[in-house]
Amino acid sequence: MSEVITTPDLRYIVVRNRLWRRANPHLSPEHRATLVARLMDGRRAVKAAKASERAGEPEAAAAMKAARGEVDAAKTALGERGPVWWNDGAPDLNRHLVRNTPYADWFAAFSAGEPGP
């Protein structure tokens, strides 16, 4: 597994040159662990619902909808979706290419191996 690249302000990680919002770092470790467990339960439920769909089970669609709702709720509670968790008025750049954001110069320097700020 490669190193996780985090923006200097700790708001995003960079995956394949795209920004992805991080979980709120101000959550307590216990609350974060609870939410991550909920997220993983939801992801397992999505996997099970996909298997049900492949098997042609009639309740598969409802199970998938519920499972995806659980994943969304957990990610929102973690701060990865929904309203931003910072309060300085900075826009949400989630899913933007780094080169099209104010992080472009930082990332170019980071990618070139230069020390960051």
N, C-alpha and C. Protein backbone atom coordinates (compact mmCIF):
# COMPACT_ATOMS: atom_id res chain seq x y z
N MET A 1 0.85 -1.18 0.00
CA MET A 1 0.00 0.00 0.00
C MET A 1 0.89 1.23 0.00
N SER A 2 0.53 2.21 -0.82
CA SER A 2 1.35 3.41 -0.92
C SER A 2 1.00 4.40 0.19
N GLU A 3 1.88 5.36 0.35
CA GLU A 3 1.70 6.39 1.37
C GLU A 3 0.49 7.26 1.05
N VAL A 4 -0.26 7.62 2.08
CA VAL A 4 -1.40 8.51 1.90
C VAL A 4 -0.87 9.94 1.84
N ILE A 5 -1.24 10.65 0.81
CA ILE A 5 -0.83 12.04 0.65
C ILE A 5 -1.96 12.92 1.16
N THR A 6 -1.66 13.72 2.16
CA THR A 6 -2.65 14.58 2.78
C THR A 6 -2.27 16.04 2.53
N THR A 7 -3.25 16.86 2.19
CA THR A 7 -2.98 18.28 1.96
C THR A 7 -2.48 18.91 3.26
N PRO A 8 -1.72 20.00 3.15
CA PRO A 8 -1.16 20.63 4.35
C PRO A 8 -2.20 21.06 5.38
N ASP A 9 -3.41 21.38 4.94
CA ASP A 9 -4.45 21.80 5.89
C ASP A 9 -5.26 20.62 6.43
N LEU A 10 -4.87 19.40 6.04
CA LEU A 10 -5.48 18.15 6.53
C LEU A 10 -6.94 17.97 6.12
N ARG A 11 -7.37 18.67 5.08
CA ARG A 11 -8.77 18.57 4.64
C ARG A 11 -8.99 17.45 3.63
N TYR A 12 -7.96 17.12 2.86
CA TYR A 12 -8.12 16.17 1.77
C TYR A 12 -6.96 15.19 1.73
N ILE A 13 -7.24 14.03 1.12
CA ILE A 13 -6.18 13.14 0.70
C ILE A 13 -6.16 13.21 -0.82
N VAL A 14 -5.05 12.84 -1.41
CA VAL A 14 -4.93 12.85 -2.86
C VAL A 14 -4.85 11.40 -3.34
N VAL A 15 -5.77 11.04 -4.23
CA VAL A 15 -5.80 9.71 -4.81
C VAL A 15 -5.88 9.88 -6.32
N ARG A 16 -4.87 9.35 -7.01
CA ARG A 16 -4.80 9.48 -8.48
C ARG A 16 -5.04 10.92 -8.92
N ASN A 17 -4.32 11.84 -8.28
CA ASN A 17 -4.34 13.27 -8.62
C ASN A 17 -5.68 13.96 -8.38
N ARG A 18 -6.50 13.36 -7.55
CA ARG A 18 -7.82 13.93 -7.24
C ARG A 18 -7.94 14.09 -5.73
N LEU A 19 -8.59 15.19 -5.32
CA LEU A 19 -8.80 15.44 -3.89
C LEU A 19 -10.03 14.69 -3.40
N TRP A 20 -9.90 14.08 -2.22
CA TRP A 20 -11.03 13.41 -1.56
C TRP A 20 -11.07 13.92 -0.13
N ARG A 21 -12.23 14.37 0.28
CA ARG A 21 -12.36 14.94 1.62
C ARG A 21 -12.06 13.90 2.69
N ARG A 22 -11.28 14.31 3.67
CA ARG A 22 -10.95 13.45 4.81
C ARG A 22 -12.06 13.51 5.84
N ALA A 23 -12.03 12.54 6.71
CA ALA A 23 -12.93 12.55 7.86
C ALA A 23 -12.54 13.71 8.76
N ASN A 24 -13.48 14.20 9.50
CA ASN A 24 -13.26 15.31 10.42
C ASN A 24 -12.23 14.90 11.48
N PRO A 25 -11.09 15.56 11.53
CA PRO A 25 -10.07 15.18 12.51
C PRO A 25 -10.43 15.58 13.94
N HIS A 26 -11.50 16.35 14.10
CA HIS A 26 -11.91 16.80 15.43
C HIS A 26 -12.85 15.80 16.13
N LEU A 27 -13.19 14.71 15.44
CA LEU A 27 -14.01 13.68 16.08
C LEU A 27 -13.16 12.97 17.13
N SER A 28 -13.77 12.58 18.21
CA SER A 28 -13.03 11.83 19.23
C SER A 28 -12.66 10.47 18.64
N PRO A 29 -11.57 9.88 19.09
CA PRO A 29 -11.19 8.56 18.57
C PRO A 29 -12.29 7.52 18.75
N GLU A 30 -13.00 7.58 19.86
CA GLU A 30 -14.07 6.61 20.10
C GLU A 30 -15.23 6.79 19.12
N HIS A 31 -15.62 8.05 18.91
CA HIS A 31 -16.74 8.32 18.00
C HIS A 31 -16.34 7.96 16.57
N ARG A 32 -15.12 8.31 16.19
CA ARG A 32 -14.63 7.97 14.86
C ARG A 32 -14.64 6.46 14.67
N ALA A 33 -14.17 5.71 15.66
CA ALA A 33 -14.14 4.25 15.55
C ALA A 33 -15.55 3.69 15.38
N THR A 34 -16.50 4.24 16.10
CA THR A 34 -17.89 3.80 15.99
C THR A 34 -18.42 4.06 14.58
N LEU A 35 -18.12 5.24 14.05
CA LEU A 35 -18.59 5.58 12.70
C LEU A 35 -17.91 4.73 11.64
N VAL A 36 -16.62 4.46 11.80
CA VAL A 36 -15.91 3.62 10.84
C VAL A 36 -16.48 2.20 10.87
N ALA A 37 -16.78 1.70 12.06
CA ALA A 37 -17.40 0.37 12.15
C ALA A 37 -18.75 0.36 11.45
N ARG A 38 -19.52 1.42 11.62
CA ARG A 38 -20.82 1.54 10.95
C ARG A 38 -20.63 1.58 9.42
N LEU A 39 -19.61 2.31 8.97
CA LEU A 39 -19.31 2.39 7.54
C LEU A 39 -18.95 1.01 7.00
N MET A 40 -18.11 0.29 7.70
CA MET A 40 -17.69 -1.03 7.23
C MET A 40 -18.87 -2.01 7.24
N ASP A 41 -19.74 -1.91 8.24
CA ASP A 41 -20.96 -2.74 8.24
C ASP A 41 -21.80 -2.44 7.01
N GLY A 42 -21.92 -1.16 6.68
CA GLY A 42 -22.68 -0.76 5.50
C GLY A 42 -22.06 -1.29 4.22
N ARG A 43 -20.74 -1.23 4.14
CA ARG A 43 -20.06 -1.75 2.95
C ARG A 43 -20.23 -3.26 2.81
N ARG A 44 -20.20 -3.96 3.93
CA ARG A 44 -20.44 -5.40 3.89
C ARG A 44 -21.88 -5.68 3.44
N ALA A 45 -22.81 -4.85 3.88
CA ALA A 45 -24.21 -5.01 3.47
C ALA A 45 -24.38 -4.76 1.97
N VAL A 46 -23.63 -3.80 1.43
CA VAL A 46 -23.67 -3.55 -0.02
C VAL A 46 -23.17 -4.79 -0.76
N LYS A 47 -22.08 -5.36 -0.27
CA LYS A 47 -21.54 -6.57 -0.90
C LYS A 47 -22.56 -7.70 -0.87
N ALA A 48 -23.22 -7.88 0.28
CA ALA A 48 -24.23 -8.93 0.40
C ALA A 48 -25.41 -8.65 -0.54
N ALA A 49 -25.81 -7.39 -0.65
CA ALA A 49 -26.93 -7.05 -1.53
C ALA A 49 -26.57 -7.31 -2.99
N LYS A 50 -25.32 -7.05 -3.37
CA LYS A 50 -24.89 -7.35 -4.74
C LYS A 50 -24.97 -8.85 -5.00
N ALA A 51 -24.56 -9.64 -4.02
CA ALA A 51 -24.66 -11.10 -4.17
C ALA A 51 -26.12 -11.52 -4.31
N SER A 52 -27.00 -10.88 -3.55
CA SER A 52 -28.44 -11.18 -3.64
C SER A 52 -28.98 -10.81 -5.02
N GLU A 53 -28.51 -9.70 -5.56
CA GLU A 53 -28.94 -9.29 -6.90
C GLU A 53 -28.53 -10.34 -7.93
N ARG A 54 -27.27 -10.79 -7.82
CA ARG A 54 -26.78 -11.79 -8.77
C ARG A 54 -27.57 -13.09 -8.66
N ALA A 55 -28.03 -13.39 -7.46
CA ALA A 55 -28.81 -14.61 -7.24
C ALA A 55 -30.27 -14.43 -7.63
N GLY A 56 -30.64 -13.20 -7.99
CA GLY A 56 -32.01 -12.94 -8.43
C GLY A 56 -33.02 -12.88 -7.30
N GLU A 57 -32.57 -12.61 -6.10
CA GLU A 57 -33.50 -12.54 -4.97
C GLU A 57 -34.36 -11.28 -5.06
N PRO A 58 -35.65 -11.41 -4.81
CA PRO A 58 -36.58 -10.29 -5.01
C PRO A 58 -36.35 -9.10 -4.07
N GLU A 59 -35.82 -9.33 -2.89
CA GLU A 59 -35.62 -8.23 -1.94
C GLU A 59 -34.27 -7.54 -2.11
N ALA A 60 -33.52 -7.92 -3.12
CA ALA A 60 -32.17 -7.39 -3.32
C ALA A 60 -32.16 -5.87 -3.51
N ALA A 61 -33.08 -5.34 -4.27
CA ALA A 61 -33.09 -3.90 -4.53
C ALA A 61 -33.31 -3.11 -3.25
N ALA A 62 -34.24 -3.55 -2.42
CA ALA A 62 -34.49 -2.86 -1.16
C ALA A 62 -33.28 -2.97 -0.22
N ALA A 63 -32.65 -4.14 -0.21
CA ALA A 63 -31.46 -4.32 0.62
C ALA A 63 -30.33 -3.42 0.15
N MET A 64 -30.17 -3.29 -1.16
CA MET A 64 -29.12 -2.42 -1.71
C MET A 64 -29.39 -0.97 -1.35
N LYS A 65 -30.62 -0.54 -1.47
CA LYS A 65 -30.96 0.84 -1.13
C LYS A 65 -30.67 1.12 0.34
N ALA A 66 -31.05 0.22 1.21
CA ALA A 66 -30.80 0.39 2.64
C ALA A 66 -29.30 0.39 2.95
N ALA A 67 -28.56 -0.52 2.33
CA ALA A 67 -27.13 -0.62 2.57
C ALA A 67 -26.41 0.64 2.10
N ARG A 68 -26.76 1.12 0.93
CA ARG A 68 -26.13 2.35 0.42
C ARG A 68 -26.50 3.54 1.27
N GLY A 69 -27.70 3.54 1.82
CA GLY A 69 -28.10 4.60 2.74
C GLY A 69 -27.26 4.59 4.00
N GLU A 70 -26.95 3.40 4.50
CA GLU A 70 -26.09 3.28 5.69
C GLU A 70 -24.68 3.79 5.41
N VAL A 71 -24.13 3.44 4.25
CA VAL A 71 -22.80 3.92 3.87
C VAL A 71 -22.81 5.44 3.78
N ASP A 72 -23.81 5.99 3.13
CA ASP A 72 -23.90 7.44 2.98
C ASP A 72 -24.02 8.12 4.34
N ALA A 73 -24.85 7.58 5.22
CA ALA A 73 -25.03 8.18 6.55
C ALA A 73 -23.73 8.16 7.35
N ALA A 74 -23.00 7.05 7.27
CA ALA A 74 -21.73 6.96 8.00
C ALA A 74 -20.71 7.94 7.44
N LYS A 75 -20.61 8.02 6.12
CA LYS A 75 -19.64 8.94 5.51
C LYS A 75 -20.01 10.39 5.81
N THR A 76 -21.30 10.70 5.84
CA THR A 76 -21.73 12.05 6.19
C THR A 76 -21.38 12.36 7.64
N ALA A 77 -21.63 11.41 8.54
CA ALA A 77 -21.30 11.62 9.95
C ALA A 77 -19.80 11.77 10.17
N LEU A 78 -19.01 11.08 9.36
CA LEU A 78 -17.55 11.21 9.45
C LEU A 78 -17.06 12.55 8.91
N GLY A 79 -17.89 13.20 8.10
CA GLY A 79 -17.50 14.47 7.50
C GLY A 79 -16.96 14.35 6.10
N GLU A 80 -16.99 13.15 5.54
CA GLU A 80 -16.48 12.93 4.19
C GLU A 80 -17.49 13.36 3.12
N ARG A 81 -18.74 13.49 3.51
CA ARG A 81 -19.80 13.95 2.61
C ARG A 81 -20.63 14.98 3.38
N GLY A 82 -21.53 15.63 2.66
CA GLY A 82 -22.41 16.60 3.31
C GLY A 82 -21.69 17.91 3.57
N PRO A 83 -22.16 18.66 4.54
CA PRO A 83 -21.55 19.95 4.85
C PRO A 83 -20.09 19.77 5.27
N VAL A 84 -19.27 20.73 4.89
CA VAL A 84 -17.85 20.65 5.26
C VAL A 84 -17.70 20.79 6.77
N TRP A 85 -16.63 20.22 7.32
CA TRP A 85 -16.42 20.26 8.76
C TRP A 85 -15.56 21.45 9.19
N TRP A 86 -15.01 22.19 8.25
CA TRP A 86 -14.25 23.39 8.61
C TRP A 86 -15.16 24.60 8.54
N ASN A 87 -14.75 25.68 9.20
CA ASN A 87 -15.65 26.84 9.29
C ASN A 87 -15.00 28.15 8.87
N ASP A 88 -14.00 28.07 8.00
CA ASP A 88 -13.35 29.30 7.56
C ASP A 88 -13.87 29.81 6.21
N GLY A 89 -14.92 29.19 5.70
CA GLY A 89 -15.52 29.65 4.45
C GLY A 89 -14.87 29.10 3.20
N ALA A 90 -13.83 28.28 3.34
CA ALA A 90 -13.16 27.71 2.17
C ALA A 90 -14.13 26.76 1.46
N PRO A 91 -14.10 26.77 0.13
CA PRO A 91 -15.02 25.90 -0.61
C PRO A 91 -14.64 24.43 -0.48
N ASP A 92 -15.61 23.58 -0.78
CA ASP A 92 -15.36 22.15 -0.80
C ASP A 92 -14.82 21.78 -2.17
N LEU A 93 -13.62 21.24 -2.21
CA LEU A 93 -12.98 20.86 -3.47
C LEU A 93 -12.97 19.35 -3.66
N ASN A 94 -13.85 18.66 -2.96
CA ASN A 94 -13.90 17.21 -3.04
C ASN A 94 -14.08 16.76 -4.49
N ARG A 95 -13.29 15.78 -4.89
CA ARG A 95 -13.29 15.16 -6.21
C ARG A 95 -12.68 16.04 -7.31
N HIS A 96 -12.20 17.21 -6.99
CA HIS A 96 -11.54 18.05 -7.99
C HIS A 96 -10.14 17.52 -8.27
N LEU A 97 -9.68 17.68 -9.50
CA LEU A 97 -8.28 17.38 -9.80
C LEU A 97 -7.42 18.40 -9.08
N VAL A 98 -6.33 17.94 -8.48
CA VAL A 98 -5.47 18.84 -7.71
C VAL A 98 -5.01 20.00 -8.56
N ARG A 99 -4.67 19.75 -9.82
CA ARG A 99 -4.12 20.80 -10.69
C ARG A 99 -5.10 21.95 -10.92
N ASN A 100 -6.38 21.74 -10.64
CA ASN A 100 -7.40 22.77 -10.84
C ASN A 100 -7.82 23.43 -9.53
N THR A 101 -6.99 23.33 -8.51
CA THR A 101 -7.33 23.86 -7.19
C THR A 101 -6.21 24.71 -6.64
N PRO A 102 -6.44 25.40 -5.54
CA PRO A 102 -5.37 26.17 -4.91
C PRO A 102 -4.22 25.29 -4.40
N TYR A 103 -4.39 23.98 -4.39
CA TYR A 103 -3.33 23.07 -3.95
C TYR A 103 -2.37 22.70 -5.09
N ALA A 104 -2.57 23.23 -6.29
CA ALA A 104 -1.80 22.83 -7.46
C ALA A 104 -0.30 23.03 -7.26
N ASP A 105 0.12 24.20 -6.80
CA ASP A 105 1.56 24.45 -6.63
C ASP A 105 2.15 23.56 -5.55
N TRP A 106 1.42 23.39 -4.45
CA TRP A 106 1.89 22.51 -3.38
C TRP A 106 2.08 21.09 -3.92
N PHE A 107 1.10 20.60 -4.67
CA PHE A 107 1.18 19.23 -5.16
C PHE A 107 2.28 19.07 -6.18
N ALA A 108 2.46 20.07 -7.04
CA ALA A 108 3.54 19.99 -8.03
C ALA A 108 4.89 19.90 -7.32
N ALA A 109 5.07 20.71 -6.28
CA ALA A 109 6.31 20.67 -5.51
C ALA A 109 6.44 19.33 -4.77
N PHE A 110 5.35 18.86 -4.22
CA PHE A 110 5.36 17.58 -3.51
C PHE A 110 5.71 16.45 -4.46
N SER A 111 5.11 16.46 -5.64
CA SER A 111 5.35 15.41 -6.63
C SER A 111 6.78 15.45 -7.15
N ALA A 112 7.38 16.64 -7.15
CA ALA A 112 8.75 16.79 -7.61
C ALA A 112 9.76 16.42 -6.53
N GLY A 113 9.25 16.10 -5.34
CA GLY A 113 10.13 15.71 -4.25
C GLY A 113 10.67 16.86 -3.44
N GLU A 114 10.14 18.05 -3.66
CA GLU A 114 10.58 19.22 -2.89
C GLU A 114 9.89 19.23 -1.54
N PRO A 115 10.54 19.79 -0.55
CA PRO A 115 9.88 19.85 0.76
C PRO A 115 8.64 20.74 0.71
N GLY A 116 7.62 20.35 1.43
CA GLY A 116 6.39 21.12 1.46
C GLY A 116 6.43 22.20 2.49
N PRO A 117 5.37 23.00 2.58
CA PRO A 117 5.32 24.09 3.57
C PRO A 117 5.25 23.58 4.98
